[in-house]
Amino acid sequence: MRAMFKKFYAKFRIGLCYLLFALANIVFAAVIGICLILSLFGLRDYKKKINAALRIIVRLLSITIFPSVGGYKVKIDGLENIQKSPAIYTFNHISLLDPLFAISLIPNAAVVVKGKYDSILAIWLLTRFFDFISTGDGSRGDIERAMGKISDAVGRGCNLIVFPEGTRMNGERLGDFKSMAFRLSRRTGIDIVPAAIVSSEPVFTRGTPLLPEKTGFAFHIKILPPLSPSDFNSADSLAAKAFRVISAECKIMRVSKKS
């Protein structure tokens, strides 16, 4: 009976997190609407203001409120590796929370998202009015259009957040990295900043229950030193190096959690 109650209580707490996320979408949509209206009356740099508001809301949710309500922990290291100049931040992808973690940490960021996330109200608005860039259905035409928008955002001094695996991986091995971010780095000369995310157990990933049956799990996020594209002779070699350093750091972080 006690075990059943613990499972119910854990699911209830995570369920509250989903409810808060839904409410946050509504709040953020309202903020977007207000800024758009104010832009008609001369508000300058409203895109940056939206980005800053998003970052504050998401950081509050993903780093403070969600862990408190949901009963899990978040540890962050390597903030000193966040660059003052524009860079491309490449995270491995293990859970539904990864984009929230990335947005909360990286300032003035354009974010590459899969087309399926257009069903989320806030994402739908952000991809149409701001620097969220959808890859659509993944077709060659959609990817080329996305690359054009990405190049424009980077040219305006935005950071870029990319999950080069393209999907969540529920094992301890990384998936193959797609080359888009690394080709862009080579083309523009801006650094790749790798970032590693691990969890104490598989949660919010493919093949796991939407509502975890226990609390007390933990996420560890670490921003790693930058990689300069000038040190590599191709996008593929740059991608391979990013893959190796993220994979190696994930292994170190998992060992640290078990010890």
C-alpha atoms as a PDB file:
ATOM      1  CA  MET A   1       0.000   0.000   0.000  1.00  0.00           C
ATOM      2  CA  ARG A   2       2.820   2.375   0.911  1.00  0.00           C
ATOM      3  CA  ALA A   3       4.621   1.641  -2.384  1.00  0.00           C
ATOM      4  CA  MET A   4       1.423   2.375  -4.336  1.00  0.00           C
ATOM      5  CA  PHE A   5       1.020   5.692  -2.521  1.00  0.00           C
ATOM      6  CA  LYS A   6       4.629   6.654  -3.316  1.00  0.00           C
ATOM      7  CA  LYS A   7       4.056   5.930  -7.009  1.00  0.00           C
ATOM      8  CA  PHE A   8       0.821   7.943  -7.015  1.00  0.00           C
ATOM      9  CA  TYR A   9       2.469  10.831  -5.174  1.00  0.00           C
ATOM     10  CA  ALA A  10       5.408  10.890  -7.622  1.00  0.00           C
ATOM     11  CA  LYS A  11       3.058  10.922 -10.628  1.00  0.00           C
ATOM     12  CA  PHE A  12       0.949  13.624  -8.990  1.00  0.00           C
ATOM     13  CA  ARG A  13       3.991  15.871  -8.503  1.00  0.00           C
ATOM     14  CA  ILE A  14       5.170  15.439 -12.092  1.00  0.00           C
ATOM     15  CA  GLY A  15       1.596  15.981 -13.284  1.00  0.00           C
ATOM     16  CA  LEU A  16       1.654  19.362 -11.539  1.00  0.00           C
ATOM     17  CA  CYS A  17       4.805  20.204 -13.520  1.00  0.00           C
ATOM     18  CA  TYR A  18       2.986  19.495 -16.798  1.00  0.00           C
ATOM     19  CA  LEU A  19       0.100  21.704 -15.652  1.00  0.00           C
ATOM     20  CA  LEU A  20       2.511  24.519 -14.783  1.00  0.00           C
ATOM     21  CA  PHE A  21       4.158  24.123 -18.206  1.00  0.00           C
ATOM     22  CA  ALA A  22       0.758  24.475 -19.909  1.00  0.00           C
ATOM     23  CA  LEU A  23      -0.020  27.590 -17.873  1.00  0.00           C
ATOM     24  CA  ALA A  24       3.422  29.009 -18.689  1.00  0.00           C
ATOM     25  CA  ASN A  25       2.631  28.639 -22.408  1.00  0.00           C
ATOM     26  CA  ILE A  26      -0.448  30.817 -21.928  1.00  0.00           C
ATOM     27  CA  VAL A  27       1.462  33.404 -19.902  1.00  0.00           C
ATOM     28  CA  PHE A  28       4.268  33.534 -22.447  1.00  0.00           C
ATOM     29  CA  ALA A  29       1.824  33.846 -25.353  1.00  0.00           C
ATOM     30  CA  ALA A  30       0.340  36.861 -23.530  1.00  0.00           C
ATOM     31  CA  VAL A  31       3.824  38.405 -23.101  1.00  0.00           C
ATOM     32  CA  ILE A  32       4.493  37.923 -26.818  1.00  0.00           C
ATOM     33  CA  GLY A  33       1.188  39.580 -27.682  1.00  0.00           C
ATOM     34  CA  ILE A  34       1.889  42.583 -25.445  1.00  0.00           C
ATOM     35  CA  CYS A  35       5.373  43.074 -26.925  1.00  0.00           C
ATOM     36  CA  LEU A  36       4.018  42.829 -30.459  1.00  0.00           C
ATOM     37  CA  ILE A  37       1.414  45.490 -29.682  1.00  0.00           C
ATOM     38  CA  LEU A  38       4.024  47.729 -28.057  1.00  0.00           C
ATOM     39  CA  SER A  39       6.248  47.292 -31.134  1.00  0.00           C
ATOM     40  CA  LEU A  40       3.536  49.060 -33.161  1.00  0.00           C
ATOM     41  CA  PHE A  41       4.043  52.069 -30.897  1.00  0.00           C
ATOM     42  CA  GLY A  42       7.789  52.236 -31.277  1.00  0.00           C
ATOM     43  CA  LEU A  43       9.137  49.616 -28.870  1.00  0.00           C
ATOM     44  CA  ARG A  44      12.670  48.898 -30.066  1.00  0.00           C
ATOM     45  CA  ASP A  45      14.451  45.551 -30.013  1.00  0.00           C
ATOM     46  CA  TYR A  46      11.260  43.755 -29.026  1.00  0.00           C
ATOM     47  CA  LYS A  47      12.709  40.451 -30.225  1.00  0.00           C
ATOM     48  CA  LYS A  48      15.526  40.753 -27.689  1.00  0.00           C
ATOM     49  CA  LYS A  49      12.990  41.653 -25.004  1.00  0.00           C
ATOM     50  CA  ILE A  50      10.948  38.553 -25.872  1.00  0.00           C
ATOM     51  CA  ASN A  51      14.104  36.450 -25.735  1.00  0.00           C
ATOM     52  CA  ALA A  52      15.040  37.880 -22.339  1.00  0.00           C
ATOM     53  CA  ALA A  53      11.507  37.318 -21.008  1.00  0.00           C
ATOM     54  CA  LEU A  54      11.512  33.744 -22.298  1.00  0.00           C
ATOM     55  CA  ARG A  55      14.854  33.052 -20.652  1.00  0.00           C
ATOM     56  CA  ILE A  56      13.672  34.396 -17.279  1.00  0.00           C
ATOM     57  CA  ILE A  57      10.414  32.398 -17.380  1.00  0.00           C
ATOM     58  CA  VAL A  58      12.078  29.183 -18.540  1.00  0.00           C
ATOM     59  CA  ARG A  59      14.948  29.454 -16.055  1.00  0.00           C
ATOM     60  CA  LEU A  60      12.492  30.000 -13.213  1.00  0.00           C
ATOM     61  CA  LEU A  61      10.493  26.960 -14.299  1.00  0.00           C
ATOM     62  CA  SER A  62      13.217  24.484 -15.268  1.00  0.00           C
ATOM     63  CA  ILE A  63      15.851  25.273 -12.626  1.00  0.00           C
ATOM     64  CA  THR A  64      13.693  26.312  -9.650  1.00  0.00           C
ATOM     65  CA  ILE A  65       9.946  25.591  -9.788  1.00  0.00           C
ATOM     66  CA  PHE A  66       9.829  22.278 -11.676  1.00  0.00           C
ATOM     67  CA  PRO A  67      12.520  20.590  -9.521  1.00  0.00           C
ATOM     68  CA  SER A  68      10.832  21.804  -6.317  1.00  0.00           C
ATOM     69  CA  VAL A  69       7.375  20.660  -7.405  1.00  0.00           C
ATOM     70  CA  GLY A  70       8.489  17.507  -9.209  1.00  0.00           C
ATOM     71  CA  GLY A  71      10.951  16.333  -6.568  1.00  0.00           C
ATOM     72  CA  TYR A  72      14.136  16.170  -8.640  1.00  0.00           C
ATOM     73  CA  LYS A  73      17.470  18.033  -8.706  1.00  0.00           C
ATOM     74  CA  VAL A  74      19.352  20.014 -11.350  1.00  0.00           C
ATOM     75  CA  LYS A  75      23.111  20.664 -11.192  1.00  0.00           C
ATOM     76  CA  ILE A  76      24.826  23.080 -13.577  1.00  0.00           C
ATOM     77  CA  ASP A  77      28.572  23.408 -14.247  1.00  0.00           C
ATOM     78  CA  GLY A  78      30.761  25.215 -16.772  1.00  0.00           C
ATOM     79  CA  LEU A  79      28.910  28.535 -16.962  1.00  0.00           C
ATOM     80  CA  GLU A  80      32.303  30.215 -17.407  1.00  0.00           C
ATOM     81  CA  ASN A  81      32.426  28.628 -20.889  1.00  0.00           C
ATOM     82  CA  ILE A  82      29.433  30.643 -22.131  1.00  0.00           C
ATOM     83  CA  GLN A  83      30.978  32.965 -24.716  1.00  0.00           C
ATOM     84  CA  LYS A  84      30.717  36.762 -24.849  1.00  0.00           C
ATOM     85  CA  SER A  85      30.667  36.630 -28.651  1.00  0.00           C
ATOM     86  CA  PRO A  86      28.064  34.627 -30.651  1.00  0.00           C
ATOM     87  CA  ALA A  87      28.571  30.857 -30.628  1.00  0.00           C
ATOM     88  CA  ILE A  88      26.765  27.639 -31.539  1.00  0.00           C
ATOM     89  CA  TYR A  89      25.883  25.570 -28.465  1.00  0.00           C
ATOM     90  CA  THR A  90      25.479  21.863 -29.200  1.00  0.00           C
ATOM     91  CA  PHE A  91      23.761  19.755 -26.521  1.00  0.00           C
ATOM     92  CA  ASN A  92      23.183  16.016 -26.466  1.00  0.00           C
ATOM     93  CA  HIS A  93      19.481  15.183 -26.157  1.00  0.00           C
ATOM     94  CA  ILE A  94      18.139  12.838 -23.468  1.00  0.00           C
ATOM     95  CA  SER A  95      14.818  14.269 -22.262  1.00  0.00           C
ATOM     96  CA  LEU A  96      11.896  16.593 -22.893  1.00  0.00           C
ATOM     97  CA  LEU A  97      13.467  19.072 -20.458  1.00  0.00           C
ATOM     98  CA  ASP A  98      16.701  19.570 -22.424  1.00  0.00           C
ATOM     99  CA  PRO A  99      15.443  22.535 -24.532  1.00  0.00           C
ATOM    100  CA  LEU A 100      14.229  24.259 -21.359  1.00  0.00           C
ATOM    101  CA  PHE A 101      17.626  23.791 -19.712  1.00  0.00           C
ATOM    102  CA  ALA A 102      19.430  25.116 -22.804  1.00  0.00           C
ATOM    103  CA  ILE A 103      17.195  28.185 -23.214  1.00  0.00           C
ATOM    104  CA  SER A 104      17.513  29.043 -19.531  1.00  0.00           C
ATOM    105  CA  LEU A 105      21.327  29.006 -19.707  1.00  0.00           C
ATOM    106  CA  ILE A 106      22.210  30.557 -23.081  1.00  0.00           C
ATOM    107  CA  PRO A 107      21.454  34.290 -23.528  1.00  0.00           C
ATOM    108  CA  ASN A 108      20.139  35.871 -26.741  1.00  0.00           C
ATOM    109  CA  ALA A 109      19.654  32.448 -28.310  1.00  0.00           C
ATOM    110  CA  ALA A 110      18.056  31.369 -31.545  1.00  0.00           C
ATOM    111  CA  VAL A 111      16.821  27.801 -31.153  1.00  0.00           C
ATOM    112  CA  VAL A 112      16.527  25.117 -33.821  1.00  0.00           C
ATOM    113  CA  VAL A 113      13.429  22.958 -33.213  1.00  0.00           C
ATOM    114  CA  LYS A 114      11.797  20.037 -34.986  1.00  0.00           C
ATOM    115  CA  GLY A 115       8.620  20.729 -36.924  1.00  0.00           C
ATOM    116  CA  LYS A 116       6.529  18.506 -34.648  1.00  0.00           C
ATOM    117  CA  TYR A 117       6.907  21.029 -31.807  1.00  0.00           C
ATOM    118  CA  ASP A 118       4.853  23.557 -33.762  1.00  0.00           C
ATOM    119  CA  SER A 119       1.837  22.025 -31.990  1.00  0.00           C
ATOM    120  CA  ILE A 120       2.959  23.784 -28.769  1.00  0.00           C
ATOM    121  CA  LEU A 121       1.389  27.263 -28.649  1.00  0.00           C
ATOM    122  CA  ALA A 122       4.483  29.148 -27.467  1.00  0.00           C
ATOM    123  CA  ILE A 123       6.735  27.372 -29.996  1.00  0.00           C
ATOM    124  CA  TRP A 124       4.251  28.083 -32.826  1.00  0.00           C
ATOM    125  CA  LEU A 125       4.374  31.803 -31.992  1.00  0.00           C
ATOM    126  CA  LEU A 126       8.135  31.846 -31.544  1.00  0.00           C
ATOM    127  CA  THR A 127       8.870  30.150 -34.895  1.00  0.00           C
ATOM    128  CA  ARG A 128       6.666  32.661 -36.719  1.00  0.00           C
ATOM    129  CA  PHE A 129       7.703  35.908 -35.093  1.00  0.00           C
ATOM    130  CA  PHE A 130      11.049  35.360 -33.379  1.00  0.00           C
ATOM    131  CA  ASP A 131      14.326  33.475 -33.520  1.00  0.00           C
ATOM    132  CA  PHE A 132      13.003  29.954 -33.115  1.00  0.00           C
ATOM    133  CA  ILE A 133      13.733  28.088 -36.332  1.00  0.00           C
ATOM    134  CA  SER A 134      11.725  25.028 -37.323  1.00  0.00           C
ATOM    135  CA  THR A 135      13.257  22.350 -39.548  1.00  0.00           C
ATOM    136  CA  GLY A 136       9.743  21.521 -40.771  1.00  0.00           C
ATOM    137  CA  ASP A 137       9.294  17.978 -41.983  1.00  0.00           C
ATOM    138  CA  GLY A 138      13.042  17.516 -42.447  1.00  0.00           C
ATOM    139  CA  SER A 139      12.862  17.672 -46.241  1.00  0.00           C
ATOM    140  CA  ARG A 140      15.738  19.182 -48.193  1.00  0.00           C
ATOM    141  CA  GLY A 141      13.713  22.306 -48.976  1.00  0.00           C
ATOM    142  CA  ASP A 142      12.730  22.851 -45.331  1.00  0.00           C
ATOM    143  CA  ILE A 143      16.329  22.332 -44.181  1.00  0.00           C
ATOM    144  CA  GLU A 144      17.603  24.885 -46.710  1.00  0.00           C
ATOM    145  CA  ARG A 145      15.001  27.422 -45.557  1.00  0.00           C
ATOM    146  CA  ALA A 146      15.993  26.740 -41.946  1.00  0.00           C
ATOM    147  CA  MET A 147      19.684  27.253 -42.815  1.00  0.00           C
ATOM    148  CA  GLY A 148      18.844  30.644 -44.327  1.00  0.00           C
ATOM    149  CA  LYS A 149      17.036  31.748 -41.148  1.00  0.00           C
ATOM    150  CA  ILE A 150      19.844  30.374 -38.979  1.00  0.00           C
ATOM    151  CA  SER A 151      22.483  32.287 -40.963  1.00  0.00           C
ATOM    152  CA  ASP A 152      20.418  35.468 -40.599  1.00  0.00           C
ATOM    153  CA  ALA A 153      20.069  35.023 -36.806  1.00  0.00           C
ATOM    154  CA  VAL A 154      23.778  34.344 -36.374  1.00  0.00           C
ATOM    155  CA  GLY A 155      24.578  37.352 -38.564  1.00  0.00           C
ATOM    156  CA  ARG A 156      22.556  39.525 -36.159  1.00  0.00           C
ATOM    157  CA  GLY A 157      24.693  38.354 -33.236  1.00  0.00           C
ATOM    158  CA  CYS A 158      22.428  35.653 -31.805  1.00  0.00           C
ATOM    159  CA  ASN A 159      23.740  32.542 -30.143  1.00  0.00           C
ATOM    160  CA  LEU A 160      22.406  29.303 -31.589  1.00  0.00           C
ATOM    161  CA  ILE A 161      21.161  26.255 -29.672  1.00  0.00           C
ATOM    162  CA  VAL A 162      21.206  22.952 -31.569  1.00  0.00           C
ATOM    163  CA  PHE A 163      20.620  19.321 -30.586  1.00  0.00           C
ATOM    164  CA  PRO A 164      22.685  17.657 -33.338  1.00  0.00           C
ATOM    165  CA  GLU A 165      21.356  14.146 -32.640  1.00  0.00           C
ATOM    166  CA  GLY A 166      17.967  15.410 -33.824  1.00  0.00           C
ATOM    167  CA  THR A 167      16.000  13.262 -31.380  1.00  0.00           C
ATOM    168  CA  ARG A 168      16.078  12.043 -27.787  1.00  0.00           C
ATOM    169  CA  MET A 169      18.357   9.106 -27.062  1.00  0.00           C
ATOM    170  CA  ASN A 170      17.339   6.873 -24.139  1.00  0.00           C
ATOM    171  CA  GLY A 171      20.548   4.867 -23.875  1.00  0.00           C
ATOM    172  CA  GLU A 172      23.972   5.802 -22.541  1.00  0.00           C
ATOM    173  CA  ARG A 173      25.397   6.262 -26.039  1.00  0.00           C
ATOM    174  CA  LEU A 174      24.982   9.382 -28.129  1.00  0.00           C
ATOM    175  CA  GLY A 175      23.251   9.229 -31.490  1.00  0.00           C
ATOM    176  CA  ASP A 176      25.013  10.288 -34.677  1.00  0.00           C
ATOM    177  CA  PHE A 177      25.484  14.051 -34.986  1.00  0.00           C
ATOM    178  CA  LYS A 178      23.922  15.748 -37.994  1.00  0.00           C
ATOM    179  CA  SER A 179      26.264  18.164 -39.738  1.00  0.00           C
ATOM    180  CA  MET A 180      24.115  21.319 -40.030  1.00  0.00           C
ATOM    181  CA  ALA A 181      25.503  23.178 -36.979  1.00  0.00           C
ATOM    182  CA  PHE A 182      29.080  22.273 -37.843  1.00  0.00           C
ATOM    183  CA  ARG A 183      28.758  23.338 -41.475  1.00  0.00           C
ATOM    184  CA  LEU A 184      27.416  26.674 -40.243  1.00  0.00           C
ATOM    185  CA  SER A 185      30.339  27.027 -37.817  1.00  0.00           C
ATOM    186  CA  ARG A 186      32.832  26.434 -40.621  1.00  0.00           C
ATOM    187  CA  ARG A 187      30.983  28.864 -42.908  1.00  0.00           C
ATOM    188  CA  THR A 188      30.762  31.708 -40.364  1.00  0.00           C
ATOM    189  CA  GLY A 189      33.900  31.061 -38.308  1.00  0.00           C
ATOM    190  CA  ILE A 190      32.055  31.121 -34.976  1.00  0.00           C
ATOM    191  CA  ASP A 191      32.890  28.643 -32.232  1.00  0.00           C
ATOM    192  CA  ILE A 192      31.092  25.440 -31.358  1.00  0.00           C
ATOM    193  CA  VAL A 193      30.475  25.165 -27.604  1.00  0.00           C
ATOM    194  CA  PRO A 194      29.695  21.522 -26.678  1.00  0.00           C
ATOM    195  CA  ALA A 195      27.427  20.822 -23.713  1.00  0.00           C
ATOM    196  CA  ALA A 196      26.688  17.543 -21.919  1.00  0.00           C
ATOM    197  CA  ILE A 197      23.469  16.513 -20.175  1.00  0.00           C
ATOM    198  CA  VAL A 198      23.024  13.333 -18.116  1.00  0.00           C
ATOM    199  CA  SER A 199      20.318  12.095 -15.776  1.00  0.00           C
ATOM    200  CA  SER A 200      20.558   9.692 -12.861  1.00  0.00           C
ATOM    201  CA  GLU A 201      18.002   7.473 -14.597  1.00  0.00           C
ATOM    202  CA  PRO A 202      16.041   7.541 -17.869  1.00  0.00           C
ATOM    203  CA  VAL A 203      13.129   9.996 -17.451  1.00  0.00           C
ATOM    204  CA  PHE A 204      11.111  12.087 -19.925  1.00  0.00           C
ATOM    205  CA  THR A 205      12.738  10.230 -22.800  1.00  0.00           C
ATOM    206  CA  ARG A 206      11.561   7.798 -25.458  1.00  0.00           C
ATOM    207  CA  GLY A 207      10.278   4.490 -24.139  1.00  0.00           C
ATOM    208  CA  THR A 208       9.729   5.711 -20.556  1.00  0.00           C
ATOM    209  CA  PRO A 209       6.411   6.573 -18.852  1.00  0.00           C
ATOM    210  CA  LEU A 210       5.238  10.157 -19.302  1.00  0.00           C
ATOM    211  CA  LEU A 211       4.834  10.313 -15.514  1.00  0.00           C
ATOM    212  CA  PRO A 212       7.858   8.796 -13.672  1.00  0.00           C
ATOM    213  CA  GLU A 213       6.890   6.440 -10.851  1.00  0.00           C
ATOM    214  CA  LYS A 214       9.355   7.901  -8.343  1.00  0.00           C
ATOM    215  CA  THR A 215      10.974  11.192  -7.448  1.00  0.00           C
ATOM    216  CA  GLY A 216      14.545  11.886  -6.415  1.00  0.00           C
ATOM    217  CA  PHE A 217      16.158  11.637  -9.864  1.00  0.00           C
ATOM    218  CA  ALA A 218      18.685  14.283 -10.943  1.00  0.00           C
ATOM    219  CA  PHE A 219      19.968  16.083 -14.037  1.00  0.00           C
ATOM    220  CA  HIS A 220      23.533  17.317 -14.487  1.00  0.00           C
ATOM    221  CA  ILE A 221      24.323  19.863 -17.207  1.00  0.00           C
ATOM    222  CA  LYS A 222      27.853  20.974 -18.072  1.00  0.00           C
ATOM    223  CA  ILE A 223      28.946  23.587 -20.623  1.00  0.00           C
ATOM    224  CA  LEU A 224      32.329  22.550 -22.070  1.00  0.00           C
ATOM    225  CA  PRO A 225      35.230  24.607 -23.498  1.00  0.00           C
ATOM    226  CA  PRO A 226      34.672  25.956 -27.026  1.00  0.00           C
ATOM    227  CA  LEU A 227      35.949  24.420 -30.242  1.00  0.00           C
ATOM    228  CA  SER A 228      37.261  26.787 -32.927  1.00  0.00           C
ATOM    229  CA  PRO A 229      36.311  25.790 -36.491  1.00  0.00           C
ATOM    230  CA  SER A 230      39.693  27.057 -37.696  1.00  0.00           C
ATOM    231  CA  ASP A 231      41.315  24.119 -35.885  1.00  0.00           C
ATOM    232  CA  PHE A 232      39.517  21.595 -38.119  1.00  0.00           C
ATOM    233  CA  ASN A 233      39.743  20.907 -41.827  1.00  0.00           C
ATOM    234  CA  SER A 234      36.078  20.018 -42.341  1.00  0.00           C
ATOM    235  CA  ALA A 235      32.623  20.179 -40.770  1.00  0.00           C
ATOM    236  CA  ASP A 236      32.743  16.398 -40.323  1.00  0.00           C
ATOM    237  CA  SER A 237      35.968  16.500 -38.298  1.00  0.00           C
ATOM    238  CA  LEU A 238      34.536  19.307 -36.156  1.00  0.00           C
ATOM    239  CA  ALA A 239      31.346  17.291 -35.584  1.00  0.00           C
ATOM    240  CA  ALA A 240      33.396  14.216 -34.689  1.00  0.00           C
ATOM    241  CA  LYS A 241      35.396  16.189 -32.110  1.00  0.00           C
ATOM    242  CA  ALA A 242      32.224  17.636 -30.547  1.00  0.00           C
ATOM    243  CA  PHE A 243      30.763  14.129 -30.404  1.00  0.00           C
ATOM    244  CA  ARG A 244      33.867  12.767 -28.666  1.00  0.00           C
ATOM    245  CA  VAL A 245      34.126  15.498 -26.018  1.00  0.00           C
ATOM    246  CA  ILE A 246      30.403  15.374 -25.168  1.00  0.00           C
ATOM    247  CA  SER A 247      30.420  11.564 -25.051  1.00  0.00           C
ATOM    248  CA  ALA A 248      33.518  11.508 -22.841  1.00  0.00           C
ATOM    249  CA  GLU A 249      32.095  14.099 -20.455  1.00  0.00           C
ATOM    250  CA  CYS A 250      28.791  12.226 -20.214  1.00  0.00           C
ATOM    251  CA  LYS A 251      30.685   9.099 -19.160  1.00  0.00           C
ATOM    252  CA  ILE A 252      32.601  11.038 -16.494  1.00  0.00           C
ATOM    253  CA  MET A 253      29.402  12.624 -15.180  1.00  0.00           C
ATOM    254  CA  ARG A 254      27.586   9.262 -15.013  1.00  0.00           C
ATOM    255  CA  VAL A 255      30.461   7.685 -13.069  1.00  0.00           C
ATOM    256  CA  SER A 256      30.409  10.662 -10.682  1.00  0.00           C
ATOM    257  CA  LYS A 257      26.673  10.187 -10.050  1.00  0.00           C
ATOM    258  CA  LYS A 258      27.116   6.481  -9.278  1.00  0.00           C
ATOM    259  CA  SER A 259      30.030   6.992  -6.884  1.00  0.00           C
END
